[in-house]
Amino acid sequence: MPTTRVRKSGNSIVLTVPPHYVKERKLKVGQEVTFEIIPKVDLSKLWGASKHLKIDAQKAKDELRKEWNR
């Protein structure tokens, strides 16, 4: 899944589609498309924060992956 930055252009918000993705999907200017926005989360701030909870780290990662893949 490609990622991009949210930009401001005048009074609008713009999402740019990477050129290789446009080519792969054969997208054309003016074509209507459907997309899903998933904000990127910085998980590094959480790393090590749950040591006192006595959770198996691998089990926690597996649970997170299940949620992301829905």
PDB file of N, CA and C in Angstrom:
ATOM      1  N   MET A   1       0.843  -1.170   0.000  1.00  0.00           N
ATOM      2  CA  MET A   1       0.000   0.000   0.000  1.00  0.00           C
ATOM      3  C   MET A   1       0.894   1.240   0.000  1.00  0.00           C
ATOM      4  N   PRO A   2       0.677   2.144  -0.943  1.00  0.00           N
ATOM      5  CA  PRO A   2       1.533   3.331  -0.996  1.00  0.00           C
ATOM      6  C   PRO A   2       1.220   4.291   0.153  1.00  0.00           C
ATOM      7  N   THR A   3       2.209   5.084   0.512  1.00  0.00           N
ATOM      8  CA  THR A   3       2.004   6.112   1.526  1.00  0.00           C
ATOM      9  C   THR A   3       2.306   7.466   0.903  1.00  0.00           C
ATOM     10  N   THR A   4       1.723   8.512   1.467  1.00  0.00           N
ATOM     11  CA  THR A   4       1.950   9.865   0.976  1.00  0.00           C
ATOM     12  C   THR A   4       1.745  10.840   2.119  1.00  0.00           C
ATOM     13  N   ARG A   5       2.052  12.092   1.894  1.00  0.00           N
ATOM     14  CA  ARG A   5       1.857  13.123   2.912  1.00  0.00           C
ATOM     15  C   ARG A   5       0.624  13.943   2.556  1.00  0.00           C
ATOM     16  N   VAL A   6      -0.031  14.437   3.587  1.00  0.00           N
ATOM     17  CA  VAL A   6      -1.161  15.331   3.390  1.00  0.00           C
ATOM     18  C   VAL A   6      -0.583  16.730   3.195  1.00  0.00           C
ATOM     19  N   ARG A   7      -1.018  17.419   2.139  1.00  0.00           N
ATOM     20  CA  ARG A   7      -0.516  18.768   1.849  1.00  0.00           C
ATOM     21  C   ARG A   7      -1.683  19.726   1.723  1.00  0.00           C
ATOM     22  N   LYS A   8      -1.360  20.990   1.842  1.00  0.00           N
ATOM     23  CA  LYS A   8      -2.373  22.026   1.680  1.00  0.00           C
ATOM     24  C   LYS A   8      -2.106  22.732   0.360  1.00  0.00           C
ATOM     25  N   SER A   9      -3.187  22.947  -0.401  1.00  0.00           N
ATOM     26  CA  SER A   9      -3.101  23.669  -1.660  1.00  0.00           C
ATOM     27  C   SER A   9      -4.275  24.644  -1.695  1.00  0.00           C
ATOM     28  N   GLY A  10      -3.995  25.906  -1.418  1.00  0.00           N
ATOM     29  CA  GLY A  10      -5.081  26.885  -1.293  1.00  0.00           C
ATOM     30  C   GLY A  10      -5.915  26.550  -0.083  1.00  0.00           C
ATOM     31  N   ASN A  11      -7.214  26.363  -0.290  1.00  0.00           N
ATOM     32  CA  ASN A  11      -8.095  25.992   0.821  1.00  0.00           C
ATOM     33  C   ASN A  11      -8.358  24.495   0.862  1.00  0.00           C
ATOM     34  N   SER A  12      -7.678  23.732   0.036  1.00  0.00           N
ATOM     35  CA  SER A  12      -7.917  22.289  -0.055  1.00  0.00           C
ATOM     36  C   SER A  12      -6.777  21.493   0.559  1.00  0.00           C
ATOM     37  N   ILE A  13      -7.083  20.245   0.859  1.00  0.00           N
ATOM     38  CA  ILE A  13      -6.080  19.284   1.310  1.00  0.00           C
ATOM     39  C   ILE A  13      -5.811  18.366   0.119  1.00  0.00           C
ATOM     40  N   VAL A  14      -4.544  18.052  -0.129  1.00  0.00           N
ATOM     41  CA  VAL A  14      -4.161  17.267  -1.297  1.00  0.00           C
ATOM     42  C   VAL A  14      -3.401  16.018  -0.871  1.00  0.00           C
ATOM     43  N   LEU A  15      -3.752  14.890  -1.481  1.00  0.00           N
ATOM     44  CA  LEU A  15      -2.999  13.644  -1.321  1.00  0.00           C
ATOM     45  C   LEU A  15      -2.422  13.307  -2.687  1.00  0.00           C
ATOM     46  N   THR A  16      -1.121  13.166  -2.770  1.00  0.00           N
ATOM     47  CA  THR A  16      -0.494  12.830  -4.049  1.00  0.00           C
ATOM     48  C   THR A  16      -0.331  11.328  -4.155  1.00  0.00           C
ATOM     49  N   VAL A  17      -0.585  10.804  -5.333  1.00  0.00           N
ATOM     50  CA  VAL A  17      -0.437   9.369  -5.574  1.00  0.00           C
ATOM     51  C   VAL A  17       0.922   9.152  -6.245  1.00  0.00           C
ATOM     52  N   PRO A  18       1.760   8.261  -5.690  1.00  0.00           N
ATOM     53  CA  PRO A  18       3.069   8.011  -6.285  1.00  0.00           C
ATOM     54  C   PRO A  18       2.949   7.550  -7.739  1.00  0.00           C
ATOM     55  N   PRO A  19       3.839   8.032  -8.616  1.00  0.00           N
ATOM     56  CA  PRO A  19       3.753   7.725 -10.053  1.00  0.00           C
ATOM     57  C   PRO A  19       3.721   6.231 -10.376  1.00  0.00           C
ATOM     58  N   HIS A  20       4.506   5.429  -9.656  1.00  0.00           N
ATOM     59  CA  HIS A  20       4.514   3.990  -9.961  1.00  0.00           C
ATOM     60  C   HIS A  20       3.154   3.357  -9.674  1.00  0.00           C
ATOM     61  N   TYR A  21       2.438   3.882  -8.677  1.00  0.00           N
ATOM     62  CA  TYR A  21       1.110   3.363  -8.342  1.00  0.00           C
ATOM     63  C   TYR A  21       0.099   3.773  -9.420  1.00  0.00           C
ATOM     64  N   VAL A  22       0.230   4.994  -9.913  1.00  0.00           N
ATOM     65  CA  VAL A  22      -0.644   5.480 -10.990  1.00  0.00           C
ATOM     66  C   VAL A  22      -0.468   4.592 -12.222  1.00  0.00           C
ATOM     67  N   LYS A  23       0.774   4.283 -12.529  1.00  0.00           N
ATOM     68  CA  LYS A  23       1.076   3.454 -13.703  1.00  0.00           C
ATOM     69  C   LYS A  23       0.537   2.031 -13.526  1.00  0.00           C
ATOM     70  N   GLU A  24       0.789   1.439 -12.347  1.00  0.00           N
ATOM     71  CA  GLU A  24       0.311   0.071 -12.049  1.00  0.00           C
ATOM     72  C   GLU A  24      -1.199  -0.051 -12.212  1.00  0.00           C
ATOM     73  N   ARG A  25      -1.913   0.949 -11.692  1.00  0.00           N
ATOM     74  CA  ARG A  25      -3.381   0.911 -11.665  1.00  0.00           C
ATOM     75  C   ARG A  25      -4.023   1.544 -12.903  1.00  0.00           C
ATOM     76  N   LYS A  26      -3.172   2.046 -13.790  1.00  0.00           N
ATOM     77  CA  LYS A  26      -3.639   2.701 -15.028  1.00  0.00           C
ATOM     78  C   LYS A  26      -4.664   3.798 -14.729  1.00  0.00           C
ATOM     79  N   LEU A  27      -4.310   4.641 -13.753  1.00  0.00           N
ATOM     80  CA  LEU A  27      -5.198   5.740 -13.359  1.00  0.00           C
ATOM     81  C   LEU A  27      -5.084   6.892 -14.354  1.00  0.00           C
ATOM     82  N   LYS A  28      -6.179   7.582 -14.558  1.00  0.00           N
ATOM     83  CA  LYS A  28      -6.232   8.725 -15.469  1.00  0.00           C
ATOM     84  C   LYS A  28      -6.688   9.957 -14.691  1.00  0.00           C
ATOM     85  N   VAL A  29      -6.241  11.142 -15.126  1.00  0.00           N
ATOM     86  CA  VAL A  29      -6.648  12.394 -14.507  1.00  0.00           C
ATOM     87  C   VAL A  29      -8.162  12.545 -14.670  1.00  0.00           C
ATOM     88  N   GLY A  30      -8.838  12.871 -13.594  1.00  0.00           N
ATOM     89  CA  GLY A  30     -10.279  13.044 -13.629  1.00  0.00           C
ATOM     90  C   GLY A  30     -11.058  11.771 -13.316  1.00  0.00           C
ATOM     91  N   GLN A  31     -10.359  10.646 -13.277  1.00  0.00           N
ATOM     92  CA  GLN A  31     -11.015   9.371 -12.976  1.00  0.00           C
ATOM     93  C   GLN A  31     -11.425   9.354 -11.504  1.00  0.00           C
ATOM     94  N   GLU A  32     -12.608   8.832 -11.228  1.00  0.00           N
ATOM     95  CA  GLU A  32     -13.076   8.717  -9.848  1.00  0.00           C
ATOM     96  C   GLU A  32     -12.517   7.430  -9.242  1.00  0.00           C
ATOM     97  N   VAL A  33     -11.965   7.537  -8.033  1.00  0.00           N
ATOM     98  CA  VAL A  33     -11.390   6.379  -7.351  1.00  0.00           C
ATOM     99  C   VAL A  33     -11.910   6.331  -5.919  1.00  0.00           C
ATOM    100  N   THR A  34     -11.810   5.173  -5.314  1.00  0.00           N
ATOM    101  CA  THR A  34     -12.158   4.987  -3.912  1.00  0.00           C
ATOM    102  C   THR A  34     -10.859   4.746  -3.154  1.00  0.00           C
ATOM    103  N   PHE A  35     -10.755   5.302  -1.961  1.00  0.00           N
ATOM    104  CA  PHE A  35      -9.548   5.103  -1.169  1.00  0.00           C
ATOM    105  C   PHE A  35      -9.906   5.050   0.301  1.00  0.00           C
ATOM    106  N   GLU A  36      -8.967   4.563   1.102  1.00  0.00           N
ATOM    107  CA  GLU A  36      -9.144   4.477   2.551  1.00  0.00           C
ATOM    108  C   GLU A  36      -7.987   5.214   3.197  1.00  0.00           C
ATOM    109  N   ILE A  37      -8.282   6.052   4.159  1.00  0.00           N
ATOM    110  CA  ILE A  37      -7.239   6.812   4.843  1.00  0.00           C
ATOM    111  C   ILE A  37      -6.969   6.169   6.196  1.00  0.00           C
ATOM    112  N   ILE A  38      -5.705   5.798   6.413  1.00  0.00           N
ATOM    113  CA  ILE A  38      -5.285   5.206   7.671  1.00  0.00           C
ATOM    114  C   ILE A  38      -4.099   6.029   8.181  1.00  0.00           C
ATOM    115  N   PRO A  39      -4.301   6.871   9.192  1.00  0.00           N
ATOM    116  CA  PRO A  39      -3.197   7.671   9.706  1.00  0.00           C
ATOM    117  C   PRO A  39      -2.069   6.778  10.228  1.00  0.00           C
ATOM    118  N   LYS A  40      -0.854   7.159   9.943  1.00  0.00           N
ATOM    119  CA  LYS A  40       0.310   6.420  10.413  1.00  0.00           C
ATOM    120  C   LYS A  40       0.507   6.703  11.898  1.00  0.00           C
ATOM    121  N   VAL A  41       0.812   5.675  12.675  1.00  0.00           N
ATOM    122  CA  VAL A  41       0.996   5.808  14.119  1.00  0.00           C
ATOM    123  C   VAL A  41       2.442   5.492  14.457  1.00  0.00           C
ATOM    124  N   ASP A  42       3.027   6.308  15.321  1.00  0.00           N
ATOM    125  CA  ASP A  42       4.404   6.082  15.757  1.00  0.00           C
ATOM    126  C   ASP A  42       4.385   5.164  16.976  1.00  0.00           C
ATOM    127  N   LEU A  43       4.617   3.864  16.747  1.00  0.00           N
ATOM    128  CA  LEU A  43       4.577   2.883  17.834  1.00  0.00           C
ATOM    129  C   LEU A  43       5.831   2.890  18.698  1.00  0.00           C
ATOM    130  N   SER A  44       6.879   3.582  18.249  1.00  0.00           N
ATOM    131  CA  SER A  44       8.119   3.589  19.027  1.00  0.00           C
ATOM    132  C   SER A  44       7.914   4.216  20.406  1.00  0.00           C
ATOM    133  N   LYS A  45       6.933   5.111  20.529  1.00  0.00           N
ATOM    134  CA  LYS A  45       6.664   5.733  21.834  1.00  0.00           C
ATOM    135  C   LYS A  45       6.059   4.733  22.821  1.00  0.00           C
ATOM    136  N   LEU A  46       5.424   3.694  22.290  1.00  0.00           N
ATOM    137  CA  LEU A  46       4.799   2.693  23.145  1.00  0.00           C
ATOM    138  C   LEU A  46       5.760   1.572  23.543  1.00  0.00           C
ATOM    139  N   TRP A  47       6.832   1.407  22.786  1.00  0.00           N
ATOM    140  CA  TRP A  47       7.747   0.297  23.011  1.00  0.00           C
ATOM    141  C   TRP A  47       8.341   0.356  24.416  1.00  0.00           C
ATOM    142  N   GLY A  48       8.162  -0.695  25.171  1.00  0.00           N
ATOM    143  CA  GLY A  48       8.704  -0.768  26.523  1.00  0.00           C
ATOM    144  C   GLY A  48       7.796  -0.171  27.584  1.00  0.00           C
ATOM    145  N   ALA A  49       6.696   0.447  27.170  1.00  0.00           N
ATOM    146  CA  ALA A  49       5.808   1.106  28.122  1.00  0.00           C
ATOM    147  C   ALA A  49       4.971   0.115  28.917  1.00  0.00           C
ATOM    148  N   SER A  50       4.871  -1.125  28.447  1.00  0.00           N
ATOM    149  CA  SER A  50       3.999  -2.090  29.124  1.00  0.00           C
ATOM    150  C   SER A  50       4.770  -3.184  29.861  1.00  0.00           C
ATOM    151  N   LYS A  51       5.997  -2.913  30.225  1.00  0.00           N
ATOM    152  CA  LYS A  51       6.811  -3.934  30.912  1.00  0.00           C
ATOM    153  C   LYS A  51       6.170  -4.383  32.226  1.00  0.00           C
ATOM    154  N   HIS A  52       5.524  -3.475  32.894  1.00  0.00           N
ATOM    155  CA  HIS A  52       4.909  -3.801  34.184  1.00  0.00           C
ATOM    156  C   HIS A  52       3.647  -4.650  34.045  1.00  0.00           C
ATOM    157  N   LEU A  53       3.109  -4.814  32.827  1.00  0.00           N
ATOM    158  CA  LEU A  53       1.874  -5.559  32.622  1.00  0.00           C
ATOM    159  C   LEU A  53       2.078  -7.069  32.472  1.00  0.00           C
ATOM    160  N   LYS A  54       3.303  -7.502  32.349  1.00  0.00           N
ATOM    161  CA  LYS A  54       3.634  -8.922  32.224  1.00  0.00           C
ATOM    162  C   LYS A  54       2.936  -9.583  31.021  1.00  0.00           C
ATOM    163  N   ILE A  55       3.006  -8.935  29.855  1.00  0.00           N
ATOM    164  CA  ILE A  55       2.410  -9.468  28.626  1.00  0.00           C
ATOM    165  C   ILE A  55       3.530 -10.050  27.770  1.00  0.00           C
ATOM    166  N   ASP A  56       3.235 -11.149  27.120  1.00  0.00           N
ATOM    167  CA  ASP A  56       4.183 -11.707  26.177  1.00  0.00           C
ATOM    168  C   ASP A  56       4.219 -10.797  24.949  1.00  0.00           C
ATOM    169  N   ALA A  57       5.381 -10.241  24.642  1.00  0.00           N
ATOM    170  CA  ALA A  57       5.513  -9.278  23.553  1.00  0.00           C
ATOM    171  C   ALA A  57       5.072  -9.869  22.216  1.00  0.00           C
ATOM    172  N   GLN A  58       5.408 -11.109  21.952  1.00  0.00           N
ATOM    173  CA  GLN A  58       5.035 -11.731  20.678  1.00  0.00           C
ATOM    174  C   GLN A  58       3.519 -11.855  20.558  1.00  0.00           C
ATOM    175  N   LYS A  59       2.859 -12.244  21.640  1.00  0.00           N
ATOM    176  CA  LYS A  59       1.396 -12.354  21.624  1.00  0.00           C
ATOM    177  C   LYS A  59       0.760 -10.987  21.366  1.00  0.00           C
ATOM    178  N   ALA A  60       1.311  -9.948  21.979  1.00  0.00           N
ATOM    179  CA  ALA A  60       0.789  -8.595  21.787  1.00  0.00           C
ATOM    180  C   ALA A  60       0.942  -8.164  20.328  1.00  0.00           C
ATOM    181  N   LYS A  61       2.112  -8.436  19.724  1.00  0.00           N
ATOM    182  CA  LYS A  61       2.330  -8.082  18.314  1.00  0.00           C
ATOM    183  C   LYS A  61       1.372  -8.845  17.410  1.00  0.00           C
ATOM    184  N   ASP A  62       1.156 -10.125  17.699  1.00  0.00           N
ATOM    185  CA  ASP A  62       0.233 -10.936  16.890  1.00  0.00           C
ATOM    186  C   ASP A  62      -1.182 -10.369  16.947  1.00  0.00           C
ATOM    187  N   GLU A  63      -1.612  -9.948  18.127  1.00  0.00           N
ATOM    188  CA  GLU A  63      -2.942  -9.361  18.276  1.00  0.00           C
ATOM    189  C   GLU A  63      -3.059  -8.064  17.485  1.00  0.00           C
ATOM    190  N   LEU A  64      -2.018  -7.230  17.548  1.00  0.00           N
ATOM    191  CA  LEU A  64      -2.025  -5.977  16.783  1.00  0.00           C
ATOM    192  C   LEU A  64      -2.119  -6.250  15.288  1.00  0.00           C
ATOM    193  N   ARG A  65      -1.362  -7.226  14.812  1.00  0.00           N
ATOM    194  CA  ARG A  65      -1.389  -7.564  13.382  1.00  0.00           C
ATOM    195  C   ARG A  65      -2.780  -8.035  12.939  1.00  0.00           C
ATOM    196  N   LYS A  66      -3.460  -8.791  13.806  1.00  0.00           N
ATOM    197  CA  LYS A  66      -4.822  -9.237  13.492  1.00  0.00           C
ATOM    198  C   LYS A  66      -5.729  -8.034  13.273  1.00  0.00           C
ATOM    199  N   GLU A  67      -5.617  -7.032  14.131  1.00  0.00           N
ATOM    200  CA  GLU A  67      -6.444  -5.835  14.028  1.00  0.00           C
ATOM    201  C   GLU A  67      -6.114  -5.047  12.752  1.00  0.00           C
ATOM    202  N   TRP A  68      -4.828  -4.937  12.407  1.00  0.00           N
ATOM    203  CA  TRP A  68      -4.418  -4.172  11.232  1.00  0.00           C
ATOM    204  C   TRP A  68      -4.886  -4.824   9.953  1.00  0.00           C
ATOM    205  N   ASN A  69      -4.985  -6.144   9.945  1.00  0.00           N
ATOM    206  CA  ASN A  69      -5.322  -6.860   8.719  1.00  0.00           C
ATOM    207  C   ASN A  69      -6.818  -7.002   8.492  1.00  0.00           C
ATOM    208  N   ARG A  70      -7.623  -6.410   9.313  1.00  0.00           N
ATOM    209  CA  ARG A  70      -9.082  -6.483   9.137  1.00  0.00           C
ATOM    210  C   ARG A  70      -9.530  -5.630   7.998  1.00  0.00           C
TER     211      ARG A  70
END
